[in-house]
C-alpha atoms as a PDB file:
ATOM      1  CA  MET A   1     -94.052 -74.266  70.028  1.00  0.00           C
ATOM      2  CA  SER A   2     -93.570 -70.517  70.304  1.00  0.00           C
ATOM      3  CA  PRO A   3     -91.230 -69.232  73.042  1.00  0.00           C
ATOM      4  CA  VAL A   4     -93.619 -66.280  73.620  1.00  0.00           C
ATOM      5  CA  ARG A   5     -96.523 -67.039  75.940  1.00  0.00           C
ATOM      6  CA  ARG A   6     -99.906 -66.026  74.574  1.00  0.00           C
ATOM      7  CA  CYS A   7    -103.019 -64.627  76.244  1.00  0.00           C
ATOM      8  CA  SER A   8    -105.188 -67.328  77.849  1.00  0.00           C
ATOM      9  CA  ARG A   9    -108.426 -65.764  76.617  1.00  0.00           C
ATOM     10  CA  THR A  10    -110.192 -67.715  73.879  1.00  0.00           C
ATOM     11  CA  ALA A  11    -109.373 -66.552  70.325  1.00  0.00           C
ATOM     12  CA  CYS A  12    -106.773 -64.041  71.539  1.00  0.00           C
ATOM     13  CA  GLY A  13    -103.319 -64.562  70.102  1.00  0.00           C
ATOM     14  CA  ARG A  14    -101.598 -61.499  71.535  1.00  0.00           C
ATOM     15  CA  PRO A  15     -98.495 -61.925  73.726  1.00  0.00           C
ATOM     16  CA  ALA A  16     -99.141 -62.152  77.463  1.00  0.00           C
ATOM     17  CA  VAL A  17     -97.895 -59.342  79.734  1.00  0.00           C
ATOM     18  CA  ALA A  18     -99.622 -60.192  83.042  1.00  0.00           C
ATOM     19  CA  THR A  19    -100.622 -63.219  85.117  1.00  0.00           C
ATOM     20  CA  LEU A  20    -103.987 -63.556  86.845  1.00  0.00           C
ATOM     21  CA  THR A  21    -104.309 -65.683  89.973  1.00  0.00           C
ATOM     22  CA  TYR A  22    -107.397 -66.278  92.098  1.00  0.00           C
ATOM     23  CA  VAL A  23    -107.252 -66.519  95.893  1.00  0.00           C
ATOM     24  CA  TYR A  24    -110.562 -68.226  96.551  1.00  0.00           C
ATOM     25  CA  ALA A  25    -110.268 -68.142 100.353  1.00  0.00           C
ATOM     26  CA  ASP A  26    -110.068 -64.317 100.283  1.00  0.00           C
ATOM     27  CA  SER A  27    -112.379 -63.773  97.285  1.00  0.00           C
ATOM     28  CA  THR A  28    -109.544 -61.922  95.576  1.00  0.00           C
ATOM     29  CA  ALA A  29    -108.215 -61.829  92.023  1.00  0.00           C
ATOM     30  CA  VAL A  30    -104.540 -60.847  91.815  1.00  0.00           C
ATOM     31  CA  LEU A  31    -103.235 -59.419  88.553  1.00  0.00           C
ATOM     32  CA  GLY A  32     -99.476 -59.018  88.470  1.00  0.00           C
ATOM     33  CA  PRO A  33     -96.444 -59.142  86.200  1.00  0.00           C
ATOM     34  CA  LEU A  34     -96.059 -62.120  83.898  1.00  0.00           C
ATOM     35  CA  ALA A  35     -94.985 -65.128  85.947  1.00  0.00           C
ATOM     36  CA  THR A  36     -91.607 -66.688  85.253  1.00  0.00           C
ATOM     37  CA  TYR A  37     -93.232 -69.874  83.950  1.00  0.00           C
ATOM     38  CA  ALA A  38     -96.779 -70.945  83.125  1.00  0.00           C
ATOM     39  CA  GLU A  39     -98.760 -72.360  86.044  1.00  0.00           C
ATOM     40  CA  PRO A  40    -101.762 -74.625  85.475  1.00  0.00           C
ATOM     41  CA  HIS A  41    -104.050 -72.616  87.809  1.00  0.00           C
ATOM     42  CA  CYS A  42    -103.040 -69.152  86.599  1.00  0.00           C
ATOM     43  CA  TYR A  43    -104.038 -67.234  83.498  1.00  0.00           C
ATOM     44  CA  ASP A  44    -101.702 -65.216  81.298  1.00  0.00           C
ATOM     45  CA  LEU A  45    -103.355 -62.093  79.864  1.00  0.00           C
ATOM     46  CA  CYS A  46    -102.434 -59.609  77.141  1.00  0.00           C
ATOM     47  CA  ALA A  47    -102.358 -55.871  77.904  1.00  0.00           C
ATOM     48  CA  GLU A  48    -105.925 -55.289  76.642  1.00  0.00           C
ATOM     49  CA  HIS A  49    -107.512 -58.118  78.625  1.00  0.00           C
ATOM     50  CA  ALA A  50    -105.506 -57.224  81.739  1.00  0.00           C
ATOM     51  CA  GLU A  51    -106.773 -53.637  81.521  1.00  0.00           C
ATOM     52  CA  ARG A  52    -110.421 -54.682  81.086  1.00  0.00           C
ATOM     53  CA  LEU A  53    -110.370 -57.341  83.832  1.00  0.00           C
ATOM     54  CA  THR A  54    -113.323 -57.336  86.225  1.00  0.00           C
ATOM     55  CA  ALA A  55    -114.050 -59.673  89.126  1.00  0.00           C
ATOM     56  CA  PRO A  56    -117.316 -61.242  90.271  1.00  0.00           C
ATOM     57  CA  ARG A  57    -119.552 -59.257  92.627  1.00  0.00           C
ATOM     58  CA  GLY A  58    -118.131 -59.324  96.152  1.00  0.00           C
ATOM     59  CA  TRP A  59    -114.608 -60.040  94.955  1.00  0.00           C
ATOM     60  CA  GLU A  60    -111.656 -57.658  95.163  1.00  0.00           C
ATOM     61  CA  VAL A  61    -109.135 -57.114  92.365  1.00  0.00           C
ATOM     62  CA  VAL A  62    -105.547 -56.468  93.430  1.00  0.00           C
ATOM     63  CA  ARG A  63    -103.436 -55.014  90.624  1.00  0.00           C
ATOM     64  CA  LEU A  64     -99.696 -55.220  91.091  1.00  0.00           C
ATOM     65  CA  ALA A  65     -97.413 -53.063  88.965  1.00  0.00           C
ATOM     66  CA  VAL A  66     -97.001 -54.595  85.515  1.00  0.00           C
ATOM     67  CA  ASP A  67     -93.874 -53.599  83.607  1.00  0.00           C
ATOM     68  CA  ALA A  68     -94.757 -53.659  79.920  1.00  0.00           C
ATOM     69  CA  GLY A  69     -91.140 -53.192  78.831  1.00  0.00           C
ATOM     70  CA  PRO A  70     -88.793 -56.010  77.921  1.00  0.00           C
ATOM     71  CA  MET A  71     -87.705 -58.151  80.833  1.00  0.00           C
ATOM     72  CA  ARG A  72     -84.065 -57.620  81.825  1.00  0.00           C
ATOM     73  CA  ARG A  73     -81.991 -59.483  84.359  1.00  0.00           C
ATOM     74  CA  SER A  74     -80.359 -57.342  86.991  1.00  0.00           C
ATOM     75  CA  SER A  75     -76.769 -57.878  88.052  1.00  0.00           C
ATOM     76  CA  ASP A  76     -78.102 -59.290  91.341  1.00  0.00           C
ATOM     77  CA  ASP A  77     -79.956 -62.044  89.458  1.00  0.00           C
ATOM     78  CA  LEU A  78     -76.867 -62.908  87.442  1.00  0.00           C
ATOM     79  CA  GLU A  79     -74.679 -62.882  90.521  1.00  0.00           C
ATOM     80  CA  ALA A  80     -77.092 -65.145  92.426  1.00  0.00           C
ATOM     81  CA  LEU A  81     -77.157 -67.556  89.480  1.00  0.00           C
ATOM     82  CA  ALA A  82     -73.356 -67.596  89.268  1.00  0.00           C
ATOM     83  CA  ASN A  83     -73.078 -68.264  93.018  1.00  0.00           C
ATOM     84  CA  ALA A  84     -75.560 -71.141  92.782  1.00  0.00           C
ATOM     85  CA  VAL A  85     -73.577 -72.718  89.921  1.00  0.00           C
ATOM     86  CA  ARG A  86     -70.318 -72.352  91.863  1.00  0.00           C
ATOM     87  CA  GLU A  87     -71.879 -73.949  94.950  1.00  0.00           C
ATOM     88  CA  ALA A  88     -73.249 -76.891  92.950  1.00  0.00           C
ATOM     89  CA  ALA A  89     -69.855 -77.469  91.287  1.00  0.00           C
ATOM     90  CA  ARG A  90     -67.894 -77.379  94.541  1.00  0.00           C
ATOM     91  CA  PRO A  91     -66.715 -80.895  95.544  1.00  0.00           C
ATOM     92  CA  HIS A  92     -68.110 -82.026  98.868  1.00  0.00           C
ATOM     93  CA  ASP A  93     -66.289 -84.258 101.329  1.00  0.00           C
ATOM     94  CA  TYR A  94     -68.617 -87.140 102.106  1.00  0.00           C
ATOM     95  CA  ALA A  95     -66.044 -89.459 103.664  1.00  0.00           C
ATOM     96  CA  PRO A  96     -67.475 -91.211 106.721  1.00  0.00           C
ATOM     97  CA  ARG A  97     -66.021 -90.115 110.025  1.00  0.00           C
ATOM     98  CA  PRO A  98     -65.980 -92.490 112.981  1.00  0.00           C
ATOM     99  CA  VAL A  99     -67.851 -91.222 116.013  1.00  0.00           C
ATOM    100  CA  ARG A 100     -67.222 -92.707 119.420  1.00  0.00           C
ATOM    101  CA  SER A 101     -70.089 -93.559 121.720  1.00  0.00           C
ATOM    102  CA  ALA A 102     -70.139 -92.712 125.419  1.00  0.00           C
ATOM    103  CA  GLU A 103     -68.380 -96.022 126.213  1.00  0.00           C
ATOM    104  CA  GLY A 104     -65.516 -95.176 123.834  1.00  0.00           C
ATOM    105  CA  ASP A 105     -66.424 -97.812 121.217  1.00  0.00           C
ATOM    106  CA  PRO A 106     -66.878 -96.688 117.643  1.00  0.00           C
ATOM    107  CA  ALA A 107     -70.667 -96.969 117.413  1.00  0.00           C
ATOM    108  CA  GLU A 108     -71.173 -94.924 114.288  1.00  0.00           C
ATOM    109  CA  ALA A 109     -69.084 -95.845 111.250  1.00  0.00           C
ATOM    110  CA  GLY A 110     -70.057 -92.850 109.175  1.00  0.00           C
ATOM    111  CA  ARG A 111     -72.619 -90.191 108.509  1.00  0.00           C
ATOM    112  CA  ARG A 112     -73.918 -88.585 105.325  1.00  0.00           C
ATOM    113  CA  GLY A 113     -76.649 -85.999 105.735  1.00  0.00           C
ATOM    114  CA  HIS A 114     -79.350 -87.433 107.952  1.00  0.00           C
ATOM    115  CA  LEU A 115     -78.345 -91.082 107.323  1.00  0.00           C
ATOM    116  CA  ARG A 116     -76.009 -93.046 109.577  1.00  0.00           C
ATOM    117  CA  VAL A 117     -74.053 -96.249 109.121  1.00  0.00           C
ATOM    118  CA  LEU A 118     -74.066 -98.189 112.390  1.00  0.00           C
ATOM    119  CA  ARG A 119     -71.804-101.110 113.216  1.00  0.00           C
ATOM    120  CA  SER A 120     -73.377-104.247 114.568  1.00  0.00           C
ATOM    121  CA  PRO A 121     -72.483-105.106 118.204  1.00  0.00           C
ATOM    122  CA  GLU A 122     -70.846-108.386 117.062  1.00  0.00           C
ATOM    123  CA  ASN A 123     -68.149-106.622 114.996  1.00  0.00           C
END
């Protein structure tokens, strides 16, 4: 499988540079930069087919700026990715903490996220 996405038009093998999405509720076709990954309900188009795109009568075509140059990551993207990796690698303290009820008895043995471990009244 080729790492370069190809135009969705039949018999066109050129590399895709834009993604076409339909907003049926608004009768709008949106043509924008190539999406990060292929979506099943979107169409990737080459430069020629993106330029010649027309919409059905009564529909509006919205053309977002398409950068035909090679895609580069900005330092902000790299920094955000590095921060996400650091956050995922950070050890989290999930040790249960006892919580006392209004009567002073430990009613809650521990808590992790939205789940609670409750002690039975017999114990």
